[in-house]
C-alpha cells in the first residue's frame, strides 16, 4: 500500500525505485481488527504518485459515507499535498451544491488523516484500498507486506484496471479477503452506458478525448507513462474484429430493450427526450463560450 498523490516532479519510475528501497515494516502477530461497521469502520487508503486522482476520489467517497479514512504514503509531502487538494475540492463541491453525503465538507474532511507508517495506517482498518500505478511488481510487493500484518477480518482491495486478480493475489495467506474495486468497473451493458453518460461523456461534451487524457494526469506525456502498459494490455485482449452478432449481441439487445422497449412510441419518446437534452446542452455551451 503506498503513494498519496500530490503534485511535484517525481516520476512513476523514481517513485517505484523509492518503494524498492523502502524497508519492510516490522512484523507483529496479525490480530483481527475490531468488529466495527457503519460510520465507525475505518478505511485505509494507498495512493498513486503525483496527481493521485483515483486515490483522492476514493478518500472523498468513503468520507462522504461517514467512514474514517487513513491515507498512507512513504513521502509526507505527497500526503500533505493530497490533503490540501481534498479540502479544496470538498469546499468547492459544497459551495456549488454537489457535495455527496449528509455531512458538511469540514465534517467529511475531519474524517481523513494520514501517516507514513504502514502498521499505523492499517491498524484497526476494516477495508484497505490500494491505488498505486498499474505495475504488477509494485502491487505484489504492497499486498505481500499487507498480507503479513493484517488480520482475518480485513478486506484487501485493489483499484487495478487491467491486472488479473490471480496475478496480484496468488500465494497470499489472506487471498480470500482480496478483491478488485475499480471505480469504473463495468459489469453490464447498462453499466457501460452509465460510465459514459455520467462519467467520461460529461467531459466529452466540452473537451475531446485527448484533452481529457491531458487533464487526467500531468499532461499527455505523464498520462502515457502511467497508463500505456495497461492500455496495451487491454488492446491486446481484443483479438479479431467482432462480428456484431451471436451471444454478445443478444445480451446487449436484451439489456437495452429492458431499459427502452423496442416499440415505435417508446423509441420516439426517448429520441425526443434526447434531442431536448442536446438542445439544452448546446445552449449551455454557447452561453459558456460567450461568458
Protein backbone atom coordinates (compact mmCIF):
# COMPACT_ATOMS: atom_id res chain seq x y z
CA UNK A 1 0.00 0.00 0.00
CA UNK A 2 1.61 3.27 -0.98
CA UNK A 3 1.72 6.64 -2.59
CA UNK A 4 -0.55 9.55 -1.80
CA UNK A 5 -0.65 11.77 -4.85
CA UNK A 6 0.02 15.31 -4.76
CA UNK A 7 1.96 17.44 -7.32
CA UNK A 8 5.70 17.54 -7.60
CA UNK A 9 8.00 16.35 -10.31
CA UNK A 10 8.54 12.81 -9.11
CA UNK A 11 8.14 10.29 -11.92
CA UNK A 12 6.49 6.90 -11.58
CA UNK A 13 9.89 5.29 -12.12
CA UNK A 14 11.53 7.36 -9.37
CA UNK A 15 8.66 6.66 -7.02
CA UNK A 16 8.88 2.90 -7.72
CA UNK A 17 12.62 2.99 -7.00
CA UNK A 18 11.87 4.64 -3.67
CA UNK A 19 9.47 1.84 -2.88
CA UNK A 20 12.04 -0.79 -3.81
CA UNK A 21 14.41 0.72 -1.26
CA UNK A 22 11.79 1.23 1.45
CA UNK A 23 12.22 -1.15 4.40
CA UNK A 24 9.66 -3.83 5.04
CA UNK A 25 7.70 -2.84 8.17
CA UNK A 26 8.42 -4.72 11.37
CA UNK A 27 6.10 -7.70 11.65
CA UNK A 28 3.78 -8.40 14.55
CA UNK A 29 1.11 -11.02 15.27
CA UNK A 30 -1.77 -10.49 12.86
CA UNK A 31 -4.51 -9.86 15.37
CA UNK A 32 -8.01 -9.39 13.93
CA UNK A 33 -9.13 -5.79 13.78
CA UNK A 34 -12.07 -4.59 15.86
CA UNK A 35 -15.50 -5.64 14.69
CA UNK A 36 -16.78 -2.24 13.56
CA UNK A 37 -19.38 -1.43 10.94
CA UNK A 38 -21.04 1.65 9.57
CA UNK A 39 -19.52 5.08 10.28
CA UNK A 40 -17.15 3.60 12.90
CA UNK A 41 -15.41 1.34 10.40
CA UNK A 42 -12.10 2.70 9.21
CA UNK A 43 -10.79 2.70 5.67
CA UNK A 44 -7.05 2.68 4.95
CA UNK A 45 -6.10 4.04 1.54
CA UNK A 46 -2.96 3.76 -0.53
CA UNK A 47 -2.30 6.21 -3.31
CA UNK A 48 -0.67 6.63 -6.68
CA UNK A 49 2.19 9.11 -7.12
CA UNK A 50 1.73 12.74 -8.12
CA UNK A 51 -1.86 13.50 -9.10
CA UNK A 52 -3.48 10.59 -7.23
CA UNK A 53 -6.86 11.29 -8.82
CA UNK A 54 -8.33 7.85 -8.14
CA UNK A 55 -7.00 7.80 -4.59
CA UNK A 56 -8.44 11.22 -3.82
CA UNK A 57 -11.79 10.15 -5.26
CA UNK A 58 -11.84 7.03 -3.07
CA UNK A 59 -10.99 9.06 0.03
CA UNK A 60 -13.77 11.55 -0.65
CA UNK A 61 -16.29 8.79 -1.44
CA UNK A 62 -15.59 6.98 1.83
CA UNK A 63 -15.64 10.19 3.88
CA UNK A 64 -18.96 11.17 2.27
CA UNK A 65 -20.36 7.92 3.67
CA UNK A 66 -19.14 8.85 7.15
CA UNK A 67 -16.18 6.46 7.28
CA UNK A 68 -12.86 7.33 8.90
CA UNK A 69 -10.08 7.30 6.31
CA UNK A 70 -6.34 6.92 6.84
CA UNK A 71 -4.06 7.81 3.91
CA UNK A 72 -0.63 6.21 3.67
CA UNK A 73 2.48 7.06 1.67
CA UNK A 74 6.22 6.81 2.17
CA UNK A 75 6.54 10.55 1.38
CA UNK A 76 4.99 13.07 3.79
CA UNK A 77 4.88 15.80 1.12
CA UNK A 78 2.66 13.64 -1.05
CA UNK A 79 0.23 13.26 1.84
CA UNK A 80 0.30 16.96 2.69
CA UNK A 81 -0.46 17.98 -0.88
CA UNK A 82 -3.17 15.33 -1.19
CA UNK A 83 -4.97 16.56 1.93
CA UNK A 84 -4.78 20.16 0.70
CA UNK A 85 -6.33 19.14 -2.62
CA UNK A 86 -9.09 17.14 -0.92
CA UNK A 87 -10.02 20.01 1.39
CA UNK A 88 -10.20 22.45 -1.53
CA UNK A 89 -12.25 20.09 -3.70
CA UNK A 90 -14.70 19.33 -0.89
CA UNK A 91 -15.18 23.04 -0.21
CA UNK A 92 -15.73 23.79 -3.90
CA UNK A 93 -18.28 20.98 -4.22
CA UNK A 94 -20.12 22.18 -1.12
CA UNK A 95 -20.31 25.76 -2.42
CA UNK A 96 -21.74 24.51 -5.72
CA UNK A 97 -24.23 22.18 -4.03
CA UNK A 98 -22.64 18.98 -5.35
CA UNK A 99 -21.05 17.60 -2.20
CA UNK A 100 -22.13 14.00 -1.62
CA UNK A 101 -23.33 12.66 1.72
CA UNK A 102 -25.14 14.19 4.67
CA UNK A 103 -22.06 15.67 6.38
CA UNK A 104 -20.59 19.10 5.70
CA UNK A 105 -17.29 19.47 3.88
CA UNK A 106 -15.50 20.24 7.14
CA UNK A 107 -17.05 17.23 8.85
CA UNK A 108 -16.06 14.95 5.98
CA UNK A 109 -12.55 16.32 5.86
CA UNK A 110 -12.15 15.79 9.61
CA UNK A 111 -12.60 12.05 9.00
CA UNK A 112 -9.47 11.91 6.82
CA UNK A 113 -5.97 11.68 8.32
CA UNK A 114 -2.61 10.46 7.07
CA UNK A 115 0.61 8.79 8.14
CA UNK A 116 3.87 7.42 6.72
CA UNK A 117 3.93 4.28 8.88
CA UNK A 118 2.35 1.21 7.32
CA UNK A 119 1.48 -0.51 10.60
CA UNK A 120 -0.21 2.62 11.90
CA UNK A 121 -2.08 3.07 8.63
CA UNK A 122 -3.72 -0.36 8.71
CA UNK A 123 -4.23 -0.70 12.46
CA UNK A 124 -7.94 -1.01 13.16
CA UNK A 125 -8.87 -0.80 9.46
CA UNK A 126 -11.69 -2.96 8.16
CA UNK A 127 -11.08 -2.12 4.48
CA UNK A 128 -7.81 -1.32 2.71
CA UNK A 129 -7.91 0.22 -0.77
CA UNK A 130 -4.76 0.17 -2.90
CA UNK A 131 -4.50 2.84 -5.62
CA UNK A 132 -0.95 2.60 -6.96
CA UNK A 133 0.19 2.62 -10.62
CA UNK A 134 -0.53 -0.33 -12.90
CA UNK A 135 2.78 -2.01 -12.06
CA UNK A 136 2.41 -5.69 -11.20
CA UNK A 137 5.61 -6.00 -9.17
CA UNK A 138 4.80 -2.88 -7.17
CA UNK A 139 1.29 -4.06 -6.35
CA UNK A 140 2.50 -7.57 -5.46
CA UNK A 141 5.07 -6.12 -3.07
CA UNK A 142 2.41 -3.97 -1.39
CA UNK A 143 -0.05 -6.84 -0.95
CA UNK A 144 2.67 -9.21 0.27
CA UNK A 145 3.52 -6.68 3.00
CA UNK A 146 -0.12 -6.21 3.91
CA UNK A 147 -0.63 -9.97 3.99
CA UNK A 148 1.86 -10.21 6.84
CA UNK A 149 0.35 -7.57 9.10
CA UNK A 150 -3.45 -7.63 8.66
CA UNK A 151 -5.94 -9.84 10.46
CA UNK A 152 -8.59 -12.17 9.10
CA UNK A 153 -11.42 -9.61 9.12
CA UNK A 154 -9.88 -7.03 6.80
CA UNK A 155 -10.82 -6.67 3.12
CA UNK A 156 -7.86 -6.01 0.83
CA UNK A 157 -8.96 -4.20 -2.32
CA UNK A 158 -7.07 -3.14 -5.44
CA UNK A 159 -8.02 -0.38 -7.87
CA UNK A 160 -6.29 -2.14 -10.75
CA UNK A 161 -7.99 -1.60 -14.08
CA UNK A 162 -6.35 -4.36 -16.13
CA UNK A 163 -4.19 -6.66 -13.98
CA UNK A 164 -5.73 -10.05 -13.25
CA UNK A 165 -6.57 -10.76 -9.59
CA UNK A 166 -4.88 -14.16 -9.95
CA UNK A 167 -1.58 -12.42 -10.73
CA UNK A 168 -1.96 -9.93 -7.88
CA UNK A 169 -3.13 -12.15 -5.04
CA UNK A 170 -1.95 -15.73 -5.70
CA UNK A 171 0.09 -17.07 -2.81
CA UNK A 172 -1.23 -14.65 -0.19
CA UNK A 173 -2.37 -16.10 3.13
CA UNK A 174 -5.39 -13.78 3.06
CA UNK A 175 -6.19 -14.34 -0.61
CA UNK A 176 -9.88 -14.98 0.17
CA UNK A 177 -10.10 -11.45 1.54
CA UNK A 178 -8.77 -9.85 -1.66
CA UNK A 179 -10.98 -8.15 -4.23
CA UNK A 180 -10.71 -5.69 -7.12
CA UNK A 181 -12.72 -2.48 -6.71
CA UNK A 182 -12.05 -0.25 -9.66
CA UNK A 183 -14.25 2.88 -9.70
CA UNK A 184 -15.09 2.29 -13.36
CA UNK A 185 -15.74 -1.41 -13.26
CA UNK A 186 -18.22 -2.47 -15.98
CA UNK A 187 -20.50 -5.42 -15.29
CA UNK A 188 -23.36 -4.97 -17.75
CA UNK A 189 -24.35 -3.07 -20.92
CA UNK A 190 -26.31 -0.62 -18.74
CA UNK A 191 -23.24 0.00 -16.57
CA UNK A 192 -21.19 0.62 -19.71
CA UNK A 193 -23.60 3.35 -20.79
CA UNK A 194 -23.52 4.84 -17.28
CA UNK A 195 -19.73 5.02 -17.35
CA UNK A 196 -20.00 7.21 -20.43
CA UNK A 197 -23.18 9.22 -19.71
CA UNK A 198 -22.33 10.00 -16.08
CA UNK A 199 -18.56 9.72 -16.43
CA UNK A 200 -16.38 10.50 -19.42
CA UNK A 201 -19.35 11.55 -21.53
CA UNK A 202 -19.86 14.54 -19.25
CA UNK A 203 -16.36 15.72 -20.15
CA UNK A 204 -16.62 14.84 -23.82
CA UNK A 205 -19.50 17.31 -24.12
CA UNK A 206 -16.97 20.10 -23.56
CA UNK A 207 -13.49 18.71 -24.28
CA UNK A 208 -12.20 15.93 -26.52
CA UNK A 209 -10.56 12.63 -25.52
CA UNK A 210 -7.00 13.97 -25.88
CA UNK A 211 -7.60 16.94 -23.62
CA UNK A 212 -9.37 14.60 -21.20
CA UNK A 213 -6.21 12.48 -21.06
CA UNK A 214 -4.06 15.60 -20.76
CA UNK A 215 -6.00 16.82 -17.72
CA UNK A 216 -6.35 13.39 -16.09
CA UNK A 217 -2.59 13.40 -15.48
CA UNK A 218 0.22 15.93 -15.53
CA UNK A 219 -0.08 16.23 -19.31
CA UNK A 220 -0.18 13.71 -22.14
CA UNK A 221 3.40 12.51 -21.60
CA UNK A 222 2.68 11.73 -17.96
CA UNK A 223 -0.59 10.00 -18.92
CA UNK A 224 1.22 7.78 -21.43
CA UNK A 225 3.93 6.93 -18.90
CA UNK A 226 1.36 5.93 -16.31
CA UNK A 227 -1.17 4.09 -18.41
CA UNK A 228 0.43 2.92 -21.67
CA UNK A 229 1.24 -0.54 -20.34
CA UNK A 230 -2.31 -1.10 -19.15
CA UNK A 231 -3.83 0.28 -22.36
CA UNK A 232 -1.66 -2.03 -24.48
CA UNK A 233 -2.66 -4.96 -22.30
CA UNK A 234 -6.36 -4.26 -22.81
CA UNK A 235 -5.97 -3.69 -26.57
CA UNK A 236 -4.15 -7.00 -26.92
CA UNK A 237 -7.16 -8.81 -25.47
CA UNK A 238 -9.49 -7.59 -28.20
CA UNK A 239 -8.49 -10.30 -30.65
CA UNK A 240 -10.23 -10.41 -34.05
CA UNK A 241 -12.65 -7.66 -35.08
CA UNK A 242 -16.06 -8.60 -33.60
CA UNK A 243 -18.81 -9.77 -35.96
CA UNK A 244 -21.54 -7.83 -34.11
CA UNK A 245 -23.61 -10.97 -33.86
CA UNK A 246 -24.20 -14.01 -31.70
CA UNK A 247 -24.42 -14.18 -27.89
CA UNK A 248 -22.86 -10.78 -27.20
CA UNK A 249 -25.33 -9.00 -29.47
CA UNK A 250 -28.22 -10.84 -27.85
CA UNK A 251 -27.12 -9.87 -24.32
CA UNK A 252 -26.72 -6.22 -25.24
CA UNK A 253 -30.04 -6.19 -27.10
CA UNK A 254 -31.80 -7.71 -24.10
CA UNK A 255 -30.34 -5.16 -21.70
CA UNK A 256 -31.19 -2.20 -23.93
CA UNK A 257 -34.68 -3.50 -24.65
CA UNK A 258 -35.41 -3.85 -20.95
CA UNK A 259 -34.43 -0.22 -20.47
CA UNK A 260 -36.13 1.08 -23.62
CA UNK A 261 -38.62 -1.33 -25.22
CA UNK A 262 -38.32 -1.59 -28.99
CA UNK A 263 -41.70 -0.05 -29.75
CA UNK A 264 -42.16 2.96 -32.08
CA UNK A 265 -43.88 5.18 -29.48
CA UNK A 266 -41.31 4.37 -26.79
CA UNK A 267 -38.35 4.93 -29.11
CA UNK A 268 -39.82 8.18 -30.41
CA UNK A 269 -40.39 9.46 -26.87
CA UNK A 270 -36.80 8.63 -25.93
CA UNK A 271 -35.48 10.33 -29.06
CA UNK A 272 -37.49 13.44 -28.23
CA UNK A 273 -36.04 13.45 -24.72
CA UNK A 274 -32.53 13.01 -26.15
CA UNK A 275 -32.99 15.90 -28.58
CA UNK A 276 -34.28 18.18 -25.84
CA UNK A 277 -31.24 17.34 -23.74
CA UNK A 278 -28.92 18.10 -26.68
CA UNK A 279 -30.68 21.42 -27.27
CA UNK A 280 -30.26 22.39 -23.65
CA UNK A 281 -26.61 21.37 -23.67
CA UNK A 282 -25.99 23.30 -26.87
CA UNK A 283 -27.47 26.43 -25.26
CA UNK A 284 -25.29 25.93 -22.19
CA UNK A 285 -22.12 25.51 -24.26
CA UNK A 286 -22.97 28.64 -26.26
CA UNK A 287 -23.52 30.58 -23.04
CA UNK A 288 -20.25 29.31 -21.60
CA UNK A 289 -18.34 30.48 -24.67
CA UNK A 290 -19.94 33.94 -24.51
CA UNK A 291 -19.08 34.22 -20.80
